[in-house]
C-alpha atoms as a PDB file:
ATOM      1  CA  MET A   1       0.282   2.345  42.220  1.00  0.00           C
ATOM      2  CA  GLU A   2       2.278   4.614  39.912  1.00  0.00           C
ATOM      3  CA  ASN A   3       3.596   3.040  36.758  1.00  0.00           C
ATOM      4  CA  ARG A   4       7.358   2.508  36.644  1.00  0.00           C
ATOM      5  CA  ARG A   5       8.879   4.078  33.535  1.00  0.00           C
ATOM      6  CA  ALA A   6      11.770   2.836  31.430  1.00  0.00           C
ATOM      7  CA  ILE A   7      13.352   4.122  28.223  1.00  0.00           C
ATOM      8  CA  ILE A   8      13.969   1.840  25.215  1.00  0.00           C
ATOM      9  CA  PHE A   9      16.426   2.738  22.480  1.00  0.00           C
ATOM     10  CA  LEU A  10      15.927   0.934  19.142  1.00  0.00           C
ATOM     11  CA  ASN A  11      18.225   0.669  16.160  1.00  0.00           C
ATOM     12  CA  GLY A  12      16.470   3.295  14.012  1.00  0.00           C
ATOM     13  CA  LYS A  13      17.061   7.014  13.785  1.00  0.00           C
ATOM     14  CA  LEU A  14      17.529   8.467  17.250  1.00  0.00           C
ATOM     15  CA  PRO A  15      16.367  12.044  17.808  1.00  0.00           C
ATOM     16  CA  GLU A  16      19.040  14.552  18.751  1.00  0.00           C
ATOM     17  CA  GLU A  17      20.219  14.278  22.342  1.00  0.00           C
ATOM     18  CA  LYS A  18      18.759  17.665  23.281  1.00  0.00           C
ATOM     19  CA  LEU A  19      15.290  16.448  22.326  1.00  0.00           C
ATOM     20  CA  MET A  20      15.662  13.153  24.188  1.00  0.00           C
ATOM     21  CA  SER A  21      16.733  15.066  27.285  1.00  0.00           C
ATOM     22  CA  LYS A  22      13.337  16.812  27.286  1.00  0.00           C
ATOM     23  CA  TYR A  23      11.922  13.419  28.276  1.00  0.00           C
ATOM     24  CA  LYS A  24      14.275  13.283  31.276  1.00  0.00           C
ATOM     25  CA  VAL A  25      15.915  10.078  30.101  1.00  0.00           C
ATOM     26  CA  SER A  26      18.618  10.363  32.792  1.00  0.00           C
ATOM     27  CA  GLN A  27      15.995   9.768  35.484  1.00  0.00           C
ATOM     28  CA  PHE A  28      14.793   6.426  34.153  1.00  0.00           C
ATOM     29  CA  TYR A  29      16.097   2.919  33.591  1.00  0.00           C
ATOM     30  CA  LYS A  30      17.460   2.679  30.049  1.00  0.00           C
ATOM     31  CA  ILE A  31      17.269  -0.442  27.880  1.00  0.00           C
ATOM     32  CA  CYS A  32      19.300  -0.409  24.698  1.00  0.00           C
ATOM     33  CA  ALA A  33      18.304  -2.873  22.000  1.00  0.00           C
ATOM     34  CA  ASP A  34      21.346  -4.398  20.301  1.00  0.00           C
ATOM     35  CA  GLY A  35      22.486  -2.158  17.406  1.00  0.00           C
ATOM     36  CA  ALA A  36      21.041   0.988  18.964  1.00  0.00           C
ATOM     37  CA  ALA A  37      24.215   1.011  21.044  1.00  0.00           C
ATOM     38  CA  ASN A  38      26.162   1.955  17.892  1.00  0.00           C
ATOM     39  CA  SER A  39      24.253   5.235  17.834  1.00  0.00           C
ATOM     40  CA  LEU A  40      23.866   5.762  21.565  1.00  0.00           C
ATOM     41  CA  ILE A  41      27.630   5.696  22.056  1.00  0.00           C
ATOM     42  CA  LYS A  42      27.770   9.018  20.139  1.00  0.00           C
ATOM     43  CA  THR A  43      25.710  10.679  22.881  1.00  0.00           C
ATOM     44  CA  ASN A  44      26.251  11.362  26.584  1.00  0.00           C
ATOM     45  CA  ILE A  45      23.475   8.909  27.424  1.00  0.00           C
ATOM     46  CA  SER A  46      24.617   5.657  29.010  1.00  0.00           C
ATOM     47  CA  PRO A  47      22.311   2.601  28.984  1.00  0.00           C
ATOM     48  CA  ASP A  48      21.726   0.429  32.021  1.00  0.00           C
ATOM     49  CA  ILE A  49      21.588  -2.703  29.890  1.00  0.00           C
ATOM     50  CA  ILE A  50      22.168  -3.702  26.258  1.00  0.00           C
ATOM     51  CA  LEU A  51      20.217  -6.726  25.132  1.00  0.00           C
ATOM     52  CA  GLY A  52      19.048  -8.668  22.086  1.00  0.00           C
ATOM     53  CA  ASP A  53      20.511 -11.293  19.806  1.00  0.00           C
ATOM     54  CA  LEU A  54      23.562  -9.024  19.526  1.00  0.00           C
ATOM     55  CA  ASP A  55      23.969  -9.450  15.771  1.00  0.00           C
ATOM     56  CA  SER A  56      24.150  -5.690  15.130  1.00  0.00           C
ATOM     57  CA  ILE A  57      26.273  -4.121  17.878  1.00  0.00           C
ATOM     58  CA  THR A  58      29.873  -3.728  16.738  1.00  0.00           C
ATOM     59  CA  LYS A  59      32.722  -5.390  18.607  1.00  0.00           C
ATOM     60  CA  ASP A  60      34.311  -2.033  19.482  1.00  0.00           C
ATOM     61  CA  VAL A  61      31.058  -0.653  20.874  1.00  0.00           C
ATOM     62  CA  SER A  62      30.411  -3.855  22.819  1.00  0.00           C
ATOM     63  CA  ASN A  63      33.905  -3.725  24.331  1.00  0.00           C
ATOM     64  CA  TYR A  64      33.488  -0.050  25.216  1.00  0.00           C
ATOM     65  CA  TYR A  65      30.348  -0.690  27.204  1.00  0.00           C
ATOM     66  CA  LYS A  66      31.741  -3.848  28.810  1.00  0.00           C
ATOM     67  CA  ASN A  67      34.707  -1.832  30.038  1.00  0.00           C
ATOM     68  CA  LYS A  68      32.246   0.688  31.539  1.00  0.00           C
ATOM     69  CA  GLY A  69      30.549  -2.120  33.439  1.00  0.00           C
ATOM     70  CA  ILE A  70      27.302  -2.020  31.430  1.00  0.00           C
ATOM     71  CA  GLU A  71      25.441  -5.300  31.443  1.00  0.00           C
ATOM     72  CA  ILE A  72      25.159  -6.942  28.008  1.00  0.00           C
ATOM     73  CA  LEU A  73      22.558  -9.679  27.796  1.00  0.00           C
ATOM     74  CA  LYS A  74      22.368 -12.023  24.805  1.00  0.00           C
ATOM     75  CA  ILE A  75      18.912 -13.399  24.064  1.00  0.00           C
ATOM     76  CA  SER A  76      19.383 -15.811  21.198  1.00  0.00           C
ATOM     77  CA  GLU A  77      15.793 -16.881  20.400  1.00  0.00           C
ATOM     78  CA  GLN A  78      14.569 -15.636  17.030  1.00  0.00           C
ATOM     79  CA  GLU A  79      10.801 -15.712  17.589  1.00  0.00           C
ATOM     80  CA  THR A  80      10.803 -12.064  18.749  1.00  0.00           C
ATOM     81  CA  THR A  81      12.525  -8.870  17.580  1.00  0.00           C
ATOM     82  CA  ASP A  82      14.957  -6.962  19.726  1.00  0.00           C
ATOM     83  CA  PHE A  83      12.167  -4.487  20.452  1.00  0.00           C
ATOM     84  CA  GLU A  84       9.915  -7.216  21.817  1.00  0.00           C
ATOM     85  CA  LYS A  85      12.820  -8.705  23.739  1.00  0.00           C
ATOM     86  CA  SER A  86      13.372  -5.266  25.309  1.00  0.00           C
ATOM     87  CA  LEU A  87       9.683  -4.922  26.202  1.00  0.00           C
ATOM     88  CA  ASN A  88       9.529  -8.382  27.747  1.00  0.00           C
ATOM     89  CA  TYR A  89      12.679  -7.747  29.747  1.00  0.00           C
ATOM     90  CA  GLY A  90      11.326  -4.420  30.994  1.00  0.00           C
ATOM     91  CA  ILE A  91       8.002  -5.979  31.942  1.00  0.00           C
ATOM     92  CA  SER A  92       9.787  -8.772  33.814  1.00  0.00           C
ATOM     93  CA  GLU A  93      11.641  -6.095  35.781  1.00  0.00           C
ATOM     94  CA  GLY A  94       8.390  -4.458  36.810  1.00  0.00           C
ATOM     95  CA  PHE A  95       8.157  -1.592  34.297  1.00  0.00           C
ATOM     96  CA  SER A  96       4.820  -0.761  32.714  1.00  0.00           C
ATOM     97  CA  ASP A  97       5.460   2.634  31.096  1.00  0.00           C
ATOM     98  CA  PHE A  98       7.891   2.883  28.201  1.00  0.00           C
ATOM     99  CA  ILE A  99       9.234   5.769  26.137  1.00  0.00           C
ATOM    100  CA  ILE A 100      10.762   4.478  22.916  1.00  0.00           C
ATOM    101  CA  PHE A 101      13.336   6.235  20.762  1.00  0.00           C
ATOM    102  CA  GLY A 102      14.627   4.934  17.418  1.00  0.00           C
ATOM    103  CA  ALA A 103      11.513   3.043  16.313  1.00  0.00           C
ATOM    104  CA  ILE A 104      11.425   4.919  12.997  1.00  0.00           C
ATOM    105  CA  SER A 105      13.963   3.389  10.685  1.00  0.00           C
ATOM    106  CA  GLU A 106      15.234   3.695   7.125  1.00  0.00           C
ATOM    107  CA  ARG A 107      13.910   0.148   6.881  1.00  0.00           C
ATOM    108  CA  PRO A 108      10.147   0.518   6.428  1.00  0.00           C
ATOM    109  CA  ASP A 109       9.614  -3.150   7.309  1.00  0.00           C
ATOM    110  CA  HIS A 110      11.319  -2.589  10.666  1.00  0.00           C
ATOM    111  CA  THR A 111       9.304   0.544  11.351  1.00  0.00           C
ATOM    112  CA  PHE A 112       5.980  -1.104  10.522  1.00  0.00           C
ATOM    113  CA  ASN A 113       6.886  -4.173  12.554  1.00  0.00           C
ATOM    114  CA  ASN A 114       7.657  -2.043  15.622  1.00  0.00           C
ATOM    115  CA  PHE A 115       4.094  -0.728  15.600  1.00  0.00           C
ATOM    116  CA  SER A 116       2.758  -4.233  15.020  1.00  0.00           C
ATOM    117  CA  VAL A 117       4.621  -5.379  18.128  1.00  0.00           C
ATOM    118  CA  ALA A 118       3.264  -2.424  20.073  1.00  0.00           C
ATOM    119  CA  LYS A 119      -0.280  -3.358  19.084  1.00  0.00           C
ATOM    120  CA  ARG A 120       0.084  -6.598  21.065  1.00  0.00           C
ATOM    121  CA  TYR A 121       1.058  -4.779  24.252  1.00  0.00           C
ATOM    122  CA  TYR A 122      -0.523  -1.340  24.403  1.00  0.00           C
ATOM    123  CA  ASP A 123      -3.707  -2.412  26.136  1.00  0.00           C
ATOM    124  CA  SER A 124      -1.719  -3.573  29.192  1.00  0.00           C
ATOM    125  CA  ILE A 125       1.264  -1.182  29.298  1.00  0.00           C
ATOM    126  CA  LYS A 126       1.907   2.408  28.257  1.00  0.00           C
ATOM    127  CA  LEU A 127       3.978   2.902  25.101  1.00  0.00           C
ATOM    128  CA  LEU A 128       5.035   6.286  23.721  1.00  0.00           C
ATOM    129  CA  PHE A 129       7.180   6.504  20.586  1.00  0.00           C
ATOM    130  CA  ILE A 130       9.262   9.636  19.980  1.00  0.00           C
ATOM    131  CA  ASP A 131      10.846  10.622  16.676  1.00  0.00           C
ATOM    132  CA  THR A 132      12.292  13.898  15.472  1.00  0.00           C
ATOM    133  CA  THR A 133       8.851  15.447  14.952  1.00  0.00           C
ATOM    134  CA  PHE A 134       6.090  13.402  16.555  1.00  0.00           C
ATOM    135  CA  GLU A 135       4.915  11.641  19.691  1.00  0.00           C
ATOM    136  CA  ILE A 136       3.212   8.492  18.461  1.00  0.00           C
ATOM    137  CA  GLU A 137       0.997   6.152  20.488  1.00  0.00           C
ATOM    138  CA  PHE A 138      -1.948   3.828  20.294  1.00  0.00           C
ATOM    139  CA  ILE A 139      -4.876   5.455  22.011  1.00  0.00           C
ATOM    140  CA  THR A 140      -7.680   3.732  23.847  1.00  0.00           C
ATOM    141  CA  GLY A 141     -11.275   4.898  24.027  1.00  0.00           C
ATOM    142  CA  LYS A 142     -10.979   8.647  24.428  1.00  0.00           C
ATOM    143  CA  ILE A 143      -8.162  11.142  24.719  1.00  0.00           C
ATOM    144  CA  LYS A 144      -8.018  14.906  25.260  1.00  0.00           C
ATOM    145  CA  PHE A 145      -4.901  17.048  24.999  1.00  0.00           C
ATOM    146  CA  ASP A 146      -3.749  20.628  24.783  1.00  0.00           C
ATOM    147  CA  TYR A 147      -2.174  21.561  21.459  1.00  0.00           C
ATOM    148  CA  ARG A 148      -1.084  24.447  19.277  1.00  0.00           C
ATOM    149  CA  LYS A 149      -3.418  25.597  16.552  1.00  0.00           C
ATOM    150  CA  ASN A 150      -2.706  24.948  12.875  1.00  0.00           C
ATOM    151  CA  HIS A 151      -0.410  21.978  13.394  1.00  0.00           C
ATOM    152  CA  THR A 152      -0.536  18.414  12.087  1.00  0.00           C
ATOM    153  CA  VAL A 153      -2.495  15.725  13.893  1.00  0.00           C
ATOM    154  CA  SER A 154      -2.611  12.365  12.130  1.00  0.00           C
ATOM    155  CA  LEU A 155      -4.760   9.354  12.883  1.00  0.00           C
ATOM    156  CA  LEU A 156      -3.835   5.983  11.444  1.00  0.00           C
ATOM    157  CA  PRO A 157      -6.095   2.934  11.868  1.00  0.00           C
ATOM    158  CA  PHE A 158      -4.219  -0.277  12.477  1.00  0.00           C
ATOM    159  CA  PRO A 159      -5.934  -1.611  10.486  1.00  0.00           C
ATOM    160  CA  LEU A 160      -9.442  -0.526  11.585  1.00  0.00           C
ATOM    161  CA  ALA A 161     -10.909   1.976  14.033  1.00  0.00           C
ATOM    162  CA  GLU A 162     -14.678   2.254  14.234  1.00  0.00           C
ATOM    163  CA  LYS A 163     -16.906   5.229  15.050  1.00  0.00           C
ATOM    164  CA  VAL A 164     -14.131   7.817  15.359  1.00  0.00           C
ATOM    165  CA  LYS A 165     -15.218  11.240  16.619  1.00  0.00           C
ATOM    166  CA  THR A 166     -12.975  14.299  16.878  1.00  0.00           C
ATOM    167  CA  THR A 167     -13.172  17.862  18.141  1.00  0.00           C
ATOM    168  CA  GLY A 168     -10.611  20.612  17.662  1.00  0.00           C
ATOM    169  CA  LEU A 169      -9.534  19.386  14.213  1.00  0.00           C
ATOM    170  CA  LYS A 170     -10.090  21.118  10.882  1.00  0.00           C
ATOM    171  CA  TYR A 171     -11.400  17.971   9.199  1.00  0.00           C
ATOM    172  CA  LYS A 172     -13.869  16.643  11.753  1.00  0.00           C
ATOM    173  CA  LEU A 173     -14.870  13.032  12.120  1.00  0.00           C
ATOM    174  CA  ASN A 174     -18.335  12.335  13.445  1.00  0.00           C
ATOM    175  CA  TYR A 175     -18.511   8.670  14.453  1.00  0.00           C
ATOM    176  CA  GLU A 176     -16.906   7.578  11.180  1.00  0.00           C
ATOM    177  CA  ASP A 177     -14.826   4.482  10.452  1.00  0.00           C
ATOM    178  CA  LEU A 178     -11.168   4.621   9.479  1.00  0.00           C
ATOM    179  CA  GLU A 179      -9.564   1.633   7.785  1.00  0.00           C
ATOM    180  CA  LEU A 180      -6.233   1.028   6.050  1.00  0.00           C
ATOM    181  CA  GLY A 181      -6.717   0.845   2.331  1.00  0.00           C
ATOM    182  CA  VAL A 182     -10.127   2.455   2.589  1.00  0.00           C
ATOM    183  CA  ARG A 183      -9.935   5.688   4.521  1.00  0.00           C
ATOM    184  CA  GLU A 184      -7.178   7.018   6.782  1.00  0.00           C
ATOM    185  CA  GLY A 185      -7.083  10.085   9.001  1.00  0.00           C
ATOM    186  CA  THR A 186      -3.575  11.409   8.373  1.00  0.00           C
ATOM    187  CA  LEU A 187      -2.555  15.038   7.766  1.00  0.00           C
ATOM    188  CA  ASN A 188      -5.366  16.603   9.714  1.00  0.00           C
ATOM    189  CA  VAL A 189      -4.793  20.036  11.256  1.00  0.00           C
ATOM    190  CA  SER A 190      -5.650  21.385  14.700  1.00  0.00           C
ATOM    191  CA  SER A 191      -8.219  24.156  14.699  1.00  0.00           C
ATOM    192  CA  ALA A 192      -8.286  24.747  18.445  1.00  0.00           C
ATOM    193  CA  LYS A 193      -5.958  24.645  21.449  1.00  0.00           C
ATOM    194  CA  LYS A 194      -7.764  21.596  22.809  1.00  0.00           C
ATOM    195  CA  VAL A 195      -8.223  18.392  20.814  1.00  0.00           C
ATOM    196  CA  SER A 196     -10.287  15.327  21.673  1.00  0.00           C
ATOM    197  CA  ILE A 197     -10.467  11.979  19.900  1.00  0.00           C
ATOM    198  CA  GLU A 198     -12.647   9.011  20.729  1.00  0.00           C
ATOM    199  CA  PHE A 199     -13.627   5.767  19.022  1.00  0.00           C
ATOM    200  CA  ASN A 200     -15.670   2.706  19.807  1.00  0.00           C
ATOM    201  CA  SER A 201     -13.472  -0.211  18.786  1.00  0.00           C
ATOM    202  CA  GLY A 202     -10.387  -1.234  16.851  1.00  0.00           C
ATOM    203  CA  ASP A 203      -6.852   0.140  17.001  1.00  0.00           C
ATOM    204  CA  LEU A 204      -5.808   3.725  16.303  1.00  0.00           C
ATOM    205  CA  LEU A 205      -2.376   5.356  16.185  1.00  0.00           C
ATOM    206  CA  LEU A 206      -2.138   9.061  17.066  1.00  0.00           C
ATOM    207  CA  PHE A 207       0.674  11.224  15.694  1.00  0.00           C
ATOM    208  CA  LYS A 208       1.028  14.638  17.341  1.00  0.00           C
ATOM    209  CA  LYS A 209       3.916  17.070  17.369  1.00  0.00           C
ATOM    210  CA  HIS A 210       6.024  17.395  20.535  1.00  0.00           C
ATOM    211  CA  PHE A 211       7.203  20.988  19.766  1.00  0.00           C
ATOM    212  CA  PHE A 212      10.588  20.366  21.386  1.00  0.00           C
ATOM    213  CA  ARG A 213      12.720  21.210  18.364  1.00  0.00           C
END
């Protein structure tokens, strides 16, 4: 059965609306996490639901969306972030494929925590983060993709990825380990129009350009 896709907007830096439209956001269910509504209101994108502990959305923005008939759901528990609340809500509604905007924040602790949350879920659902430059995702096992030559491809272990092998990259890895604080795989460069990455075990974040700018 085909995965059902939803969009999640987080309270970080949203890409420009033109870029987000490349991902056909209007076609999918849109979950807005709390304070992200303060940024989303400046676009022509309307969420289907706003949820979270609601400590960041302004009163004016909340009233605006209420008047438009947008559902606003308060989830008061503090054991999870608004991102995880959004994921859990989406999963409960039958979604298993998520595109996430706004995960990259001026708050580095928020940004890092978003990827930590994703690590708990990516083996059972599909998660794709989009920022102004990159598509970012945890990869599993082996991945192949078409790409433009001479552009950045970064690999970041989280915190360890074992026996990483690459083709189509300038700085090749041949069944080598990557580990935070020991050896990372960032700022590599594509040397071919097809790139492949595989690894045996661990967790590995892939950063690749989306070329939509």
